[in-house]
Protein backbone atom coordinates (compact mmCIF):
# COMPACT_ATOMS: atom_id res chain seq x y z
CA GLN A 1 65.38 26.96 47.70
CA GLU A 2 65.76 30.56 48.87
CA SER A 3 65.49 29.44 52.50
CA SER A 4 68.08 26.69 51.99
CA PRO A 5 70.92 28.33 50.00
CA ASN A 6 73.36 25.51 50.78
CA LYS A 7 71.23 22.90 49.03
CA THR A 8 72.57 22.29 45.52
CA ASP A 9 70.87 18.97 44.76
CA ALA A 10 70.33 18.54 41.01
CA SER A 11 66.61 17.86 41.36
CA THR A 12 66.14 21.12 43.30
CA THR A 13 68.16 23.09 40.75
CA ALA A 14 66.00 21.70 37.95
CA LEU A 15 62.95 23.26 39.60
CA SER A 16 64.45 26.75 39.91
CA ALA A 17 62.26 29.44 38.38
CA THR A 18 64.61 30.53 35.58
CA PRO A 19 62.96 31.56 32.30
CA ALA A 20 65.70 29.98 30.19
CA ALA A 21 65.41 26.53 31.77
CA THR A 22 61.74 26.03 32.63
CA PRO A 23 61.07 22.27 32.42
CA VAL A 24 58.20 21.08 30.27
CA VAL A 25 56.37 18.05 31.59
CA THR A 26 55.51 15.33 29.10
CA PRO A 27 53.13 12.47 30.03
CA ALA A 28 56.02 10.06 30.56
CA ALA A 29 58.09 12.45 32.66
CA ALA A 30 55.29 13.96 34.72
CA PRO A 31 55.28 11.40 37.57
CA VAL A 32 59.00 11.91 38.15
CA VAL A 33 58.73 15.70 38.09
CA ALA A 34 55.68 15.58 40.35
CA GLN A 35 57.56 13.56 42.96
CA ALA A 36 60.60 15.82 42.68
CA ALA A 37 58.32 18.84 43.12
CA VAL A 38 56.87 17.38 46.30
CA ALA A 39 60.37 16.70 47.61
CA ALA A 40 61.58 20.19 46.70
CA ALA A 41 58.61 21.81 48.42
CA GLU A 42 59.32 19.81 51.57
CA ALA A 43 62.95 20.91 51.45
CA VAL A 44 61.87 24.55 51.23
CA ALA A 45 59.57 24.03 54.19
CA GLY A 46 62.52 23.03 56.35
CA ASP A 47 62.96 19.31 55.82
CA GLN A 48 66.67 18.59 56.27
CA THR A 49 66.74 15.25 54.45
CA SER A 50 68.13 15.15 50.95
CA VAL A 51 65.81 15.94 48.05
CA GLN A 52 67.00 12.82 46.27
CA ASP A 53 65.91 10.57 49.16
CA ASP A 54 62.56 12.37 49.43
CA ALA A 55 61.89 11.89 45.73
CA LEU A 56 62.36 8.14 46.10
CA VAL A 57 59.49 7.93 48.56
CA GLY A 58 57.43 10.84 47.19
CA GLY A 59 54.26 8.78 46.68
CA GLY A 60 54.30 7.68 50.30
CA ILE A 61 54.34 11.11 51.93
CA ALA A 62 51.21 11.73 53.98
CA ILE A 63 50.25 15.01 52.29
CA VAL A 64 46.58 15.45 51.46
CA ASP A 65 46.37 19.13 50.54
CA PRO A 66 47.70 20.96 47.44
CA ILE A 67 51.11 22.46 48.12
CA GLU A 68 52.38 25.90 47.14
CA GLU A 69 52.54 26.88 43.49
CA LEU A 70 55.77 25.93 41.71
CA SER A 71 56.06 28.34 38.78
CA ALA A 72 58.98 26.43 37.25
CA VAL A 73 56.80 23.40 36.49
CA GLN A 74 54.64 23.66 33.39
CA VAL A 75 52.40 21.22 31.56
CA GLN A 76 52.47 20.73 27.82
CA PRO A 77 49.04 21.46 26.26
CA GLY A 78 47.01 18.27 26.12
CA ALA A 79 49.43 16.33 28.33
CA THR A 80 48.20 14.44 31.36
CA ALA A 81 50.17 13.08 34.28
CA THR A 82 48.75 10.07 36.10
CA PRO A 83 51.42 8.37 38.23
CA PRO A 84 50.67 5.03 39.88
CA LEU A 85 48.40 4.95 42.89
CA ARG A 86 50.45 4.47 46.03
CA THR A 87 48.63 2.52 48.72
CA PRO A 88 49.53 2.18 52.41
CA LEU A 89 49.60 -1.45 53.53
CA ARG A 90 49.07 -3.00 56.94
CA VAL A 91 51.44 -5.96 57.17
CA LEU A 92 51.25 -8.75 59.75
CA VAL A 93 54.28 -11.04 59.82
CA VAL A 94 52.76 -14.03 61.55
CA GLY A 95 55.63 -16.52 61.70
CA ALA A 96 57.86 -19.01 59.90
CA THR A 97 58.25 -22.78 59.77
CA GLY A 98 60.94 -25.15 58.54
CA LEU A 99 63.86 -22.75 59.01
CA ARG A 100 67.35 -24.24 58.91
CA ASP A 101 69.64 -23.96 61.92
CA ALA A 102 72.32 -21.61 60.60
CA ASN A 103 74.62 -22.61 63.46
CA GLY A 104 74.81 -26.17 62.17
CA LYS A 105 73.16 -27.68 65.22
CA ARG A 106 69.93 -28.93 63.69
CA GLY A 107 67.35 -29.59 66.35
CA SER A 108 69.23 -27.67 69.03
CA GLY A 109 66.93 -24.67 68.82
CA MET A 110 69.90 -22.37 69.40
CA PHE A 111 69.18 -19.66 66.85
CA ASP A 112 67.38 -16.34 67.03
CA PRO A 113 65.30 -15.47 63.95
CA TYR A 114 63.82 -12.15 62.92
CA CYS A 115 62.23 -10.81 59.71
CA VAL A 116 62.88 -7.60 57.77
CA CYS A 117 60.27 -6.06 55.44
CA GLU A 118 60.91 -3.37 52.81
CA ILE A 119 59.78 -2.13 49.42
CA ARG A 120 62.43 -3.17 46.91
CA GLY A 121 64.63 -0.24 45.90
CA THR A 122 63.84 2.04 48.84
CA PRO A 123 66.54 3.27 51.26
CA SER A 124 67.43 0.80 54.01
CA LYS A 125 66.28 3.29 56.65
CA GLN A 126 62.73 2.66 55.41
CA ALA A 127 62.92 -1.07 56.24
CA MET A 128 60.87 -2.48 59.12
CA GLN A 129 61.80 -5.37 61.39
CA THR A 130 60.10 -7.81 63.71
CA PRO A 131 61.48 -8.51 67.18
CA VAL A 132 64.08 -11.26 67.54
CA ILE A 133 62.62 -14.52 68.90
CA PRO A 134 65.40 -16.21 70.90
CA ASN A 135 66.03 -19.96 70.75
CA SER A 136 63.23 -20.68 68.29
CA VAL A 137 62.95 -23.09 65.37
CA GLU A 138 59.43 -21.96 64.38
CA PRO A 139 59.15 -18.30 65.40
CA ARG A 140 55.74 -16.69 65.89
CA TRP A 141 56.28 -12.96 65.63
CA ASN A 142 52.68 -11.76 65.10
CA HIS A 143 54.24 -8.38 64.45
CA GLU A 144 52.27 -5.68 62.64
CA PHE A 145 53.46 -2.53 60.94
CA ASP A 146 52.37 -0.09 58.22
CA VAL A 147 54.14 0.22 54.87
CA MET A 148 53.62 3.56 53.12
CA GLY A 149 53.70 4.24 49.40
CA PHE A 150 53.22 0.81 47.79
CA SER A 151 52.46 1.06 44.06
CA GLU A 152 51.46 -1.35 41.31
CA GLU A 153 55.09 -1.49 40.16
CA ASP A 154 56.58 -2.40 43.55
CA PHE A 155 57.66 -5.60 45.26
CA LEU A 156 57.31 -6.08 49.02
CA CYS A 157 60.37 -8.04 50.14
CA PHE A 158 60.73 -10.14 53.29
CA THR A 159 64.07 -11.48 54.52
CA VAL A 160 64.52 -13.79 57.52
CA TYR A 161 67.82 -13.73 59.43
CA ASP A 162 69.42 -15.47 62.40
CA ARG A 163 70.77 -12.89 64.86
CA ASN A 164 74.44 -13.39 65.80
CA ILE A 165 76.56 -11.60 68.36
CA ASP A 166 80.10 -12.33 67.19
CA LYS A 167 79.58 -12.34 63.38
CA ASP A 168 77.25 -11.11 60.66
CA ASP A 169 73.66 -12.32 60.90
CA ASP A 170 72.90 -15.44 58.84
CA LEU A 171 70.41 -15.42 55.97
CA LEU A 172 67.58 -17.93 56.50
CA GLY A 173 65.46 -17.12 53.45
CA THR A 174 63.80 -14.46 51.32
CA VAL A 175 60.53 -13.93 49.46
CA ALA A 176 59.12 -11.06 47.37
CA VAL A 177 55.40 -10.34 46.96
CA ASN A 178 54.29 -8.38 43.90
CA ALA A 179 51.40 -5.95 43.54
CA GLU A 180 49.19 -8.46 41.73
CA GLN A 181 49.26 -10.65 44.83
CA ILE A 182 48.39 -7.75 47.14
CA LEU A 183 46.12 -5.31 45.29
CA PRO A 184 43.28 -4.67 45.58
CA ALA A 185 41.99 -7.31 48.02
CA GLY A 186 45.12 -8.07 50.08
CA PHE A 187 46.97 -11.34 50.73
CA GLU A 188 46.86 -13.96 53.47
CA GLY A 189 48.76 -17.24 53.49
CA GLU A 190 52.15 -18.95 53.46
CA LEU A 191 54.93 -18.37 50.94
CA PRO A 192 58.05 -20.52 50.37
CA LEU A 193 61.36 -18.88 51.23
CA ALA A 194 64.10 -18.83 48.61
CA ASP A 195 67.77 -19.14 49.63
CA ALA A 196 66.67 -21.12 52.68
CA GLY A 197 69.38 -23.75 52.24
CA ALA A 198 69.77 -27.03 50.37
CA GLY A 199 66.86 -29.37 50.98
CA VAL A 200 65.11 -26.88 53.27
CA ALA A 201 61.39 -26.14 52.73
CA ALA A 202 60.90 -23.04 54.84
CA LEU A 203 57.65 -21.05 54.78
CA LEU A 204 56.76 -17.51 55.84
CA GLN A 205 53.19 -16.75 56.95
CA LEU A 206 51.86 -13.26 56.13
CA LYS A 207 48.73 -11.16 56.12
CA ILE A 208 48.77 -7.96 54.04
CA ILE A 209 45.83 -5.54 53.93
CA PRO A 210 45.60 -2.41 51.72
CA VAL A 211 44.30 0.41 53.90
CA GLY A 212 44.14 3.41 51.55
CA GLY A 213 46.46 5.50 49.47
CA VAL A 214 48.08 8.76 48.49
CA GLU A 215 48.60 9.64 44.84
CA VAL A 216 50.19 12.53 43.02
CA TRP A 217 47.33 12.98 40.57
CA GLN A 218 48.69 15.47 38.08
CA ILE A 219 50.54 18.68 37.56
CA SER A 220 47.50 20.82 36.79
CA PRO A 221 47.31 23.57 34.15
CA ASN A 222 47.67 26.28 36.81
CA ARG A 223 51.06 24.74 37.68
CA ARG A 224 50.07 23.37 41.07
CA VAL A 225 51.14 19.93 42.23
CA VAL A 226 47.82 18.36 43.22
CA ILE A 227 47.88 15.63 45.85
CA GLU A 228 44.74 13.83 46.96
CA GLN A 229 44.07 10.98 49.31
CA ARG A 230 42.33 7.76 48.35
CA LYS A 231 41.04 5.48 51.05
CA ALA A 232 40.20 1.88 50.25
CA PHE A 233 36.63 0.76 50.91
CA ASP A 234 34.46 -2.34 50.56
CA VAL A 235 31.43 -2.48 48.28
CA GLU A 236 28.59 -5.00 48.41
CA ILE A 237 26.22 -4.99 45.44
CA VAL A 238 23.28 -6.63 47.16
CA GLY A 239 20.75 -6.79 44.35
CA ALA A 240 18.13 -4.93 42.36
CA ARG A 241 14.36 -4.81 41.91
CA GLY A 242 11.93 -3.74 39.22
CA LEU A 243 14.31 -4.44 36.35
CA GLN A 244 12.87 -4.33 32.85
CA CYS A 245 14.00 -5.49 29.44
CA VAL A 246 15.32 -2.76 27.14
CA GLY A 247 14.10 -3.13 23.55
CA ASP A 248 13.38 -1.16 20.41
CA HIS A 249 9.90 -0.31 21.66
CA GLY A 250 10.89 0.80 25.16
CA PRO A 251 10.96 -1.03 28.51
CA ALA A 252 9.17 -4.37 28.75
CA VAL A 253 8.85 -7.31 31.11
CA LEU A 254 12.23 -8.96 31.57
CA ASP A 255 12.50 -12.17 29.57
CA GLN A 256 13.06 -15.25 31.73
CA GLN A 257 16.07 -16.24 29.63
CA LEU A 258 17.94 -12.95 29.98
CA GLU A 259 20.81 -12.65 32.43
CA THR A 260 21.29 -9.52 34.52
CA TYR A 261 24.49 -8.25 36.15
CA CYS A 262 25.97 -5.08 37.61
CA VAL A 263 29.31 -3.35 36.97
CA CYS A 264 30.88 -0.96 39.50
CA GLU A 265 33.74 1.42 38.74
CA VAL A 266 35.24 4.76 39.60
CA ARG A 267 34.59 6.90 36.55
CA GLY A 268 37.67 7.46 34.44
CA ARG A 269 39.68 4.60 35.94
CA PRO A 270 41.10 1.71 33.86
CA ALA A 271 38.80 -1.21 33.10
CA THR A 272 41.06 -3.46 35.18
CA GLU A 273 39.79 -1.72 38.34
CA ARG A 274 36.13 -2.50 37.66
CA ILE A 275 34.20 -5.08 39.63
CA GLN A 276 31.32 -7.12 38.25
CA THR A 277 28.70 -9.32 39.86
CA GLN A 278 27.85 -12.77 38.65
CA ARG A 279 25.06 -13.09 36.09
CA GLN A 280 21.59 -14.10 37.24
CA SER A 281 18.72 -15.13 34.97
CA GLY A 282 14.98 -15.49 35.24
CA THR A 283 14.21 -12.65 37.63
CA ALA A 284 13.52 -8.92 37.66
CA ALA A 285 14.83 -8.79 41.24
CA PRO A 286 18.29 -10.41 41.16
CA SER A 287 20.13 -11.08 44.43
CA TRP A 288 23.83 -10.83 43.59
CA LYS A 289 25.31 -10.24 47.07
CA HIS A 290 28.69 -9.56 45.50
CA SER A 291 31.41 -8.00 47.70
CA ALA A 292 34.76 -6.54 46.64
CA ARG A 293 37.34 -3.99 47.75
CA MET A 294 37.90 -0.80 45.77
CA SER A 295 41.30 0.88 45.89
CA GLY A 296 39.83 4.30 46.65
CA CYS A 297 37.75 7.19 45.32
CA GLY A 298 39.15 10.71 45.24
CA PRO A 299 37.08 13.72 46.36
CA HIS A 300 36.51 14.78 42.73
CA GLU A 301 35.64 11.31 41.44
CA MET A 302 32.35 9.42 41.23
CA LEU A 303 31.47 5.80 42.04
CA SER A 304 29.37 4.50 39.17
CA PHE A 305 27.03 1.48 38.87
CA LYS A 306 25.62 0.11 35.62
CA VAL A 307 23.08 -2.71 35.37
CA TYR A 308 22.91 -4.73 32.14
CA HIS A 309 20.95 -7.62 30.70
CA SER A 310 22.23 -10.06 28.10
CA ASN A 311 20.86 -10.15 24.57
CA GLY A 312 22.21 -13.48 23.46
CA PRO A 313 25.57 -14.33 21.89
CA ALA A 314 24.89 -12.39 18.69
CA SER A 315 24.01 -9.05 20.28
CA LYS A 316 25.60 -6.57 22.61
CA ASP A 317 24.35 -6.56 26.20
CA ALA A 318 21.78 -3.84 26.90
CA LEU A 319 22.14 -1.18 29.58
CA ILE A 320 19.10 -1.25 31.89
CA GLY A 321 20.04 1.72 34.06
CA THR A 322 22.75 3.59 35.95
CA ALA A 323 23.33 5.00 39.43
CA ALA A 324 26.16 6.97 41.03
CA LEU A 325 27.50 7.84 44.47
CA SER A 326 29.78 10.77 45.26
CA PRO A 327 32.50 10.15 47.90
CA GLU A 328 30.90 12.46 50.46
CA ARG A 329 27.88 10.16 50.58
CA PHE A 330 29.83 7.13 51.81
CA GLN A 331 33.39 7.92 52.93
CA SER A 332 32.59 9.24 56.43
CA HIS A 333 29.91 6.84 57.64
CA GLY A 334 29.39 4.40 54.77
CA PHE A 335 26.21 3.95 52.76
CA LYS A 336 23.44 1.37 53.03
CA GLY A 337 20.24 1.57 51.02
CA GLU A 338 18.76 1.76 47.55
CA LEU A 339 19.55 4.01 44.60
CA PRO A 340 17.12 4.61 41.73
CA LEU A 341 18.41 3.47 38.36
CA ALA A 342 18.36 6.33 35.85
CA GLY A 343 17.97 6.06 32.10
CA THR A 344 15.31 3.36 32.22
CA GLY A 345 12.59 5.27 30.38
CA GLU A 346 8.94 5.46 31.37
CA GLY A 347 6.82 2.75 32.91
CA GLY A 348 9.16 1.43 35.60
CA SER A 349 10.96 2.30 38.82
CA PRO A 350 13.97 0.01 39.18
CA TYR A 351 16.29 0.29 42.19
CA LEU A 352 19.78 -0.92 43.04
CA SER A 353 20.53 -2.08 46.60
CA LEU A 354 24.03 -1.37 48.04
């Protein structure tokens, strides 16, 4: 703020280091303050855009290192701040079918469609657009672009227009895709367009791939805004060998009726982000071959694997063993091989193949 004395935006003023008005961050307010802090720091660094606009897209800024200390931001003891993960998306707008002729000359082919993509609620300058396909009734754009800062609370909106020269462009249809349709594995297919016209069944063909993410993790106790990058990755839990039954008297030969399965998660994440293989019975060397996409693993996190066997409907499933991978072991060049399962006791050497 000292280097930009003419900036009097309210969000910048709220971050001024004045002892009488030091904001205290509660768990609910922390994501907002964290984004405002990022925006304010950018403004101090020389960014000439408004702090308010920057705060709207704070989760999408490509910053991967901690920024300078902001002494005006404090954390209440015991409070945590975990804003939503914001994931960059690679979007391919393939094409559309069944569009109406907005010029009223059905079948003439004399209209020029294009598609606009944006995250609902973001400034219009953030919107992306395909090229215009002239004189087309079923345009094939095959246009790809990257969308930054998509969170679990967002909607990705697509709007198809007919380009006009002498009047406003005509609306040919809209569709919104929510986070549940996109995260974590992506989306590919056709979606019906709303507002396409009476009796018109227009479809938009899309392919959306999550490619990683940036998240404001927390405002840490030393009053630093910590920003870390998460990059999406694919996991295949191939199988295991040497599994044993866990009982009151230690490891034993796995009963033929028991089912084994593996759970993968990033430690500390919600249960909804876990992946689990199918169950397989009758073998100490199950072959699950289960693949899934994980939304990312921060540099201070750990990828955890737990192998269980069932104990029947009346008992809790038993943990056979665990394994873990730190991000530095797989993020640069991937990982392929076996990990020993820990916590299995004496008399066995089970392994997990990944």
